[in-house]
Amino acid sequence: MRHLFGHHHHHHSGKWRGLHAMVRGGGFWSQGGGAFDGNDGGDGFDGENLRRGRKFSAEDLQLLLLSLLDEKPSHGYELIKALETRTGGFYKPSPGVVYPALTFLEDVGYATVDTEGNKKRYQLSDAGRNYLAQHRERLEQMVARLQHVARKMEFMRRAMSGQPQREPEEGGWATELVQARGRLKQAMMMRSGAPADEQRRIAAILERAADEIEGTPIQPNPEG
């Protein structure tokens, strides 16, 4: 099964790094003219919420833990460290959250436990692997959001520090994409009070654009 929550089995890809500087506010304008606002596109899923431990339900955390166990058996503290590392430090669940989740996964048969002294080493069971496969789409969406937050925070960190942005081939965003997104957000803001018919016309345009984007196969990025 393809591992979602990581690149190969033990390599931490570039999109999980460099997120320690948390930039908040109403909006940020890049040098290229594109806008990235302080929330995360209106979906409420951003680095600050993750850092505070919000926006992950119990089921979400269980899926992330199962995904990590699908890569390799691990101790609880290793799973906590993996989550912290792969989100660049902005999401570090507490032991008081992770260990009850692992106990639940063991109780329902999704994980098995090997005891080594006073330490428990968890590994994915066949039932857990089946559960993970059944919820693959949900996990993919969650990881895609995490990756978006990671890239966004890296983009903002570099912009605020005056560093050049990474090229798309290096896991960054193309200038054209940044500018197009900024232009779209500006256009939407200027038409926020449009009458109903105009809103429906805009919605149809956005639906067509989304269909075209979703219809294009996603090419793997060399950075992960």
Protein backbone atom coordinates (compact mmCIF):
# COMPACT_ATOMS: atom_id res chain seq x y z
CA MET A 1 0.00 0.00 0.00
CA ARG A 2 1.22 3.48 -0.82
CA HIS A 3 2.36 5.34 2.27
CA LEU A 4 0.72 8.73 2.48
CA PHE A 5 2.14 10.20 5.63
CA GLY A 6 5.74 10.33 4.54
CA HIS A 7 8.06 9.98 1.58
CA HIS A 8 9.43 6.49 1.26
CA HIS A 9 9.54 4.85 4.65
CA HIS A 10 11.84 6.95 6.75
CA HIS A 11 12.71 10.06 4.75
CA HIS A 12 11.18 13.34 5.89
CA SER A 13 10.43 15.28 2.73
CA GLY A 14 10.98 19.01 2.33
CA LYS A 15 7.32 19.91 2.58
CA TRP A 16 7.33 18.99 6.27
CA ARG A 17 10.26 21.25 7.15
CA GLY A 18 10.66 24.91 8.05
CA LEU A 19 7.31 25.64 9.67
CA HIS A 20 8.47 26.86 13.06
CA ALA A 21 7.77 30.54 12.28
CA MET A 22 4.03 30.95 12.64
CA VAL A 23 2.78 33.97 10.69
CA ARG A 24 -0.68 35.18 11.56
CA GLY A 25 -2.79 38.13 10.44
CA GLY A 26 -5.47 39.29 8.09
CA GLY A 27 -3.47 38.94 4.93
CA PHE A 28 -0.07 38.68 3.35
CA TRP A 29 0.95 39.91 -0.09
CA SER A 30 3.83 38.21 -1.82
CA GLN A 31 6.32 40.10 -3.93
CA GLY A 32 4.76 38.47 -6.96
CA GLY A 33 1.42 40.10 -6.24
CA GLY A 34 -0.41 37.04 -4.95
CA ALA A 35 -2.29 37.00 -1.68
CA PHE A 36 -2.24 34.31 0.99
CA ASP A 37 -4.52 35.19 3.85
CA GLY A 38 -3.97 34.48 7.51
CA ASN A 39 -6.46 31.66 7.72
CA ASP A 40 -6.28 28.70 5.40
CA GLY A 41 -8.60 29.47 2.55
CA GLY A 42 -11.62 29.64 4.81
CA ASP A 43 -11.63 25.96 5.77
CA GLY A 44 -10.47 26.60 9.33
CA PHE A 45 -7.58 24.18 9.02
CA ASP A 46 -4.36 26.06 9.67
CA GLY A 47 -1.07 25.77 11.48
CA GLU A 48 -2.19 27.71 14.54
CA ASN A 49 -5.16 25.44 15.09
CA LEU A 50 -2.94 22.40 14.74
CA ARG A 51 -0.36 23.84 17.11
CA ARG A 52 -3.09 24.31 19.71
CA GLY A 53 -4.23 20.73 19.20
CA ARG A 54 -7.50 21.60 17.46
CA LYS A 55 -9.06 20.47 14.20
CA PHE A 56 -8.12 16.81 14.60
CA SER A 57 -10.98 14.62 15.76
CA ALA A 58 -10.25 11.37 17.56
CA GLU A 59 -10.89 9.52 14.29
CA ASP A 60 -8.49 11.80 12.40
CA LEU A 61 -5.69 11.17 14.88
CA GLN A 62 -6.36 7.44 14.76
CA LEU A 63 -6.02 7.47 10.97
CA LEU A 64 -2.74 9.39 11.16
CA LEU A 65 -1.38 6.95 13.73
CA LEU A 66 -2.45 3.97 11.62
CA SER A 67 -0.78 5.55 8.59
CA LEU A 68 2.48 5.89 10.54
CA LEU A 69 2.20 2.32 11.79
CA ASP A 70 1.68 1.23 8.18
CA GLU A 71 5.22 2.51 7.54
CA LYS A 72 6.83 0.71 10.48
CA PRO A 73 6.06 -0.55 14.00
CA SER A 74 6.72 2.18 16.55
CA HIS A 75 6.66 3.13 20.20
CA GLY A 76 4.24 5.82 21.29
CA TYR A 77 6.95 8.43 21.77
CA GLU A 78 8.26 7.69 18.27
CA LEU A 79 4.80 8.37 16.83
CA ILE A 80 4.58 11.67 18.71
CA LYS A 81 8.00 12.65 17.39
CA ALA A 82 7.07 11.63 13.84
CA LEU A 83 3.95 13.82 13.90
CA GLU A 84 5.96 16.75 15.22
CA THR A 85 8.76 16.30 12.69
CA ARG A 86 6.50 15.90 9.68
CA THR A 87 4.57 19.04 10.51
CA GLY A 88 7.72 21.06 11.10
CA GLY A 89 6.96 21.35 14.80
CA PHE A 90 3.56 23.05 14.63
CA TYR A 91 1.63 19.92 15.63
CA LYS A 92 2.86 17.90 18.58
CA PRO A 93 0.06 15.93 20.22
CA SER A 94 0.52 15.30 23.91
CA PRO A 95 1.06 11.81 25.35
CA GLY A 96 -2.30 12.28 27.05
CA VAL A 97 -3.91 12.34 23.61
CA VAL A 98 -1.79 9.80 21.73
CA TYR A 99 -1.62 6.96 24.24
CA PRO A 100 -5.40 6.72 24.77
CA ALA A 101 -5.76 6.69 20.97
CA LEU A 102 -3.26 3.84 20.74
CA THR A 103 -5.06 1.96 23.50
CA PHE A 104 -8.29 2.34 21.55
CA LEU A 105 -6.64 1.04 18.37
CA GLU A 106 -5.40 -1.95 20.33
CA ASP A 107 -8.82 -2.57 21.91
CA VAL A 108 -10.63 -2.59 18.57
CA GLY A 109 -7.99 -4.80 16.99
CA TYR A 110 -6.47 -2.30 14.58
CA ALA A 111 -3.06 -2.47 16.24
CA THR A 112 -1.13 -5.13 18.11
CA VAL A 113 1.37 -4.57 20.88
CA ASP A 114 4.72 -6.11 21.71
CA THR A 115 5.94 -5.36 25.22
CA GLU A 116 9.64 -4.64 25.62
CA GLY A 117 10.31 -4.18 29.30
CA ASN A 118 8.05 -1.32 30.33
CA LYS A 119 7.68 -0.07 26.75
CA LYS A 120 4.99 -0.93 24.23
CA ARG A 121 5.75 -1.25 20.55
CA TYR A 122 2.71 -0.91 18.30
CA GLN A 123 2.26 -2.41 14.87
CA LEU A 124 -0.54 -2.40 12.34
CA SER A 125 -2.81 -5.45 12.30
CA ASP A 126 -4.58 -6.85 9.25
CA ALA A 127 -7.83 -5.37 10.55
CA GLY A 128 -6.12 -2.00 10.94
CA ARG A 129 -4.75 -2.22 7.42
CA ASN A 130 -8.25 -2.93 6.10
CA TYR A 131 -9.68 -0.02 8.08
CA LEU A 132 -6.97 2.25 6.71
CA ALA A 133 -7.78 1.14 3.16
CA GLN A 134 -11.49 1.80 3.69
CA HIS A 135 -10.76 5.35 4.84
CA ARG A 136 -7.99 6.05 2.36
CA GLU A 137 -9.82 8.97 0.73
CA ARG A 138 -10.36 10.71 4.07
CA LEU A 139 -6.70 10.23 4.96
CA GLU A 140 -5.59 11.55 1.57
CA GLN A 141 -7.66 14.71 2.07
CA MET A 142 -6.25 15.22 5.55
CA VAL A 143 -2.66 14.74 4.41
CA ALA A 144 -3.24 17.03 1.42
CA ARG A 145 -4.37 19.75 3.83
CA LEU A 146 -1.34 19.19 6.03
CA GLN A 147 0.91 19.45 3.00
CA HIS A 148 -0.82 22.66 1.93
CA VAL A 149 -0.34 24.19 5.38
CA ALA A 150 3.31 23.09 5.31
CA ARG A 151 3.96 24.74 1.95
CA LYS A 152 2.06 27.85 2.96
CA MET A 153 4.03 28.31 6.17
CA GLU A 154 7.31 27.76 4.32
CA PHE A 155 6.25 30.31 1.69
CA MET A 156 5.42 32.90 4.33
CA ARG A 157 8.54 32.22 6.38
CA ARG A 158 10.76 32.76 3.35
CA ALA A 159 8.91 35.90 2.31
CA MET A 160 9.13 37.45 5.78
CA SER A 161 12.85 36.66 6.05
CA GLY A 162 13.67 37.91 2.54
CA GLN A 163 14.73 34.50 1.29
CA PRO A 164 14.01 33.54 -2.31
CA GLN A 165 11.08 31.24 -2.74
CA ARG A 166 11.67 27.63 -3.68
CA GLU A 167 11.03 26.68 -7.29
CA PRO A 168 8.15 24.29 -8.08
CA GLU A 169 10.74 21.61 -8.84
CA GLU A 170 11.95 22.03 -5.24
CA GLY A 171 8.50 21.70 -3.72
CA GLY A 172 7.58 25.40 -3.86
CA TRP A 173 4.75 27.23 -5.59
CA ALA A 174 5.06 28.61 -9.12
CA THR A 175 4.87 32.40 -9.30
CA GLU A 176 2.05 32.05 -11.83
CA LEU A 177 0.01 30.01 -9.34
CA VAL A 178 0.57 32.53 -6.55
CA GLN A 179 -0.47 35.42 -8.79
CA ALA A 180 -3.51 33.58 -10.18
CA ARG A 181 -4.73 32.66 -6.73
CA GLY A 182 -4.27 36.24 -5.54
CA ARG A 183 -6.18 37.58 -8.53
CA LEU A 184 -9.02 35.13 -7.92
CA LYS A 185 -9.27 36.02 -4.24
CA GLN A 186 -9.32 39.72 -5.11
CA ALA A 187 -12.05 39.18 -7.70
CA MET A 188 -14.14 37.18 -5.23
CA MET A 189 -13.74 39.85 -2.56
CA MET A 190 -14.85 42.60 -4.94
CA ARG A 191 -17.99 40.61 -5.80
CA SER A 192 -18.91 39.49 -2.31
CA GLY A 193 -22.07 41.62 -2.45
CA ALA A 194 -23.12 40.55 -5.94
CA PRO A 195 -26.81 39.77 -6.61
CA ALA A 196 -28.00 36.18 -6.65
CA ASP A 197 -27.79 35.69 -10.42
CA GLU A 198 -24.20 36.97 -10.49
CA GLN A 199 -23.28 34.71 -7.59
CA ARG A 200 -24.65 31.71 -9.48
CA ARG A 201 -22.73 32.73 -12.60
CA ILE A 202 -19.51 32.91 -10.56
CA ALA A 203 -20.28 29.57 -8.93
CA ALA A 204 -20.67 27.94 -12.34
CA ILE A 205 -17.31 29.34 -13.46
CA LEU A 206 -15.61 28.03 -10.32
CA GLU A 207 -17.26 24.62 -10.71
CA ARG A 208 -15.95 24.36 -14.27
CA ALA A 209 -12.47 25.38 -13.14
CA ALA A 210 -12.53 22.83 -10.31
CA ASP A 211 -13.66 20.11 -12.71
CA GLU A 212 -10.80 20.93 -15.07
CA ILE A 213 -8.24 20.98 -12.25
CA GLU A 214 -9.49 17.71 -10.76
CA GLY A 215 -9.47 16.12 -14.20
CA THR A 216 -5.72 16.66 -14.53
CA PRO A 217 -3.58 13.85 -13.09
CA ILE A 218 -1.36 15.02 -10.24
CA GLN A 219 2.29 14.55 -11.11
CA PRO A 220 4.54 13.46 -8.23
CA ASN A 221 6.73 16.23 -6.85
CA PRO A 222 10.45 15.40 -6.53
CA GLU A 223 10.33 16.84 -3.00
CA GLY A 224 7.77 14.33 -1.85
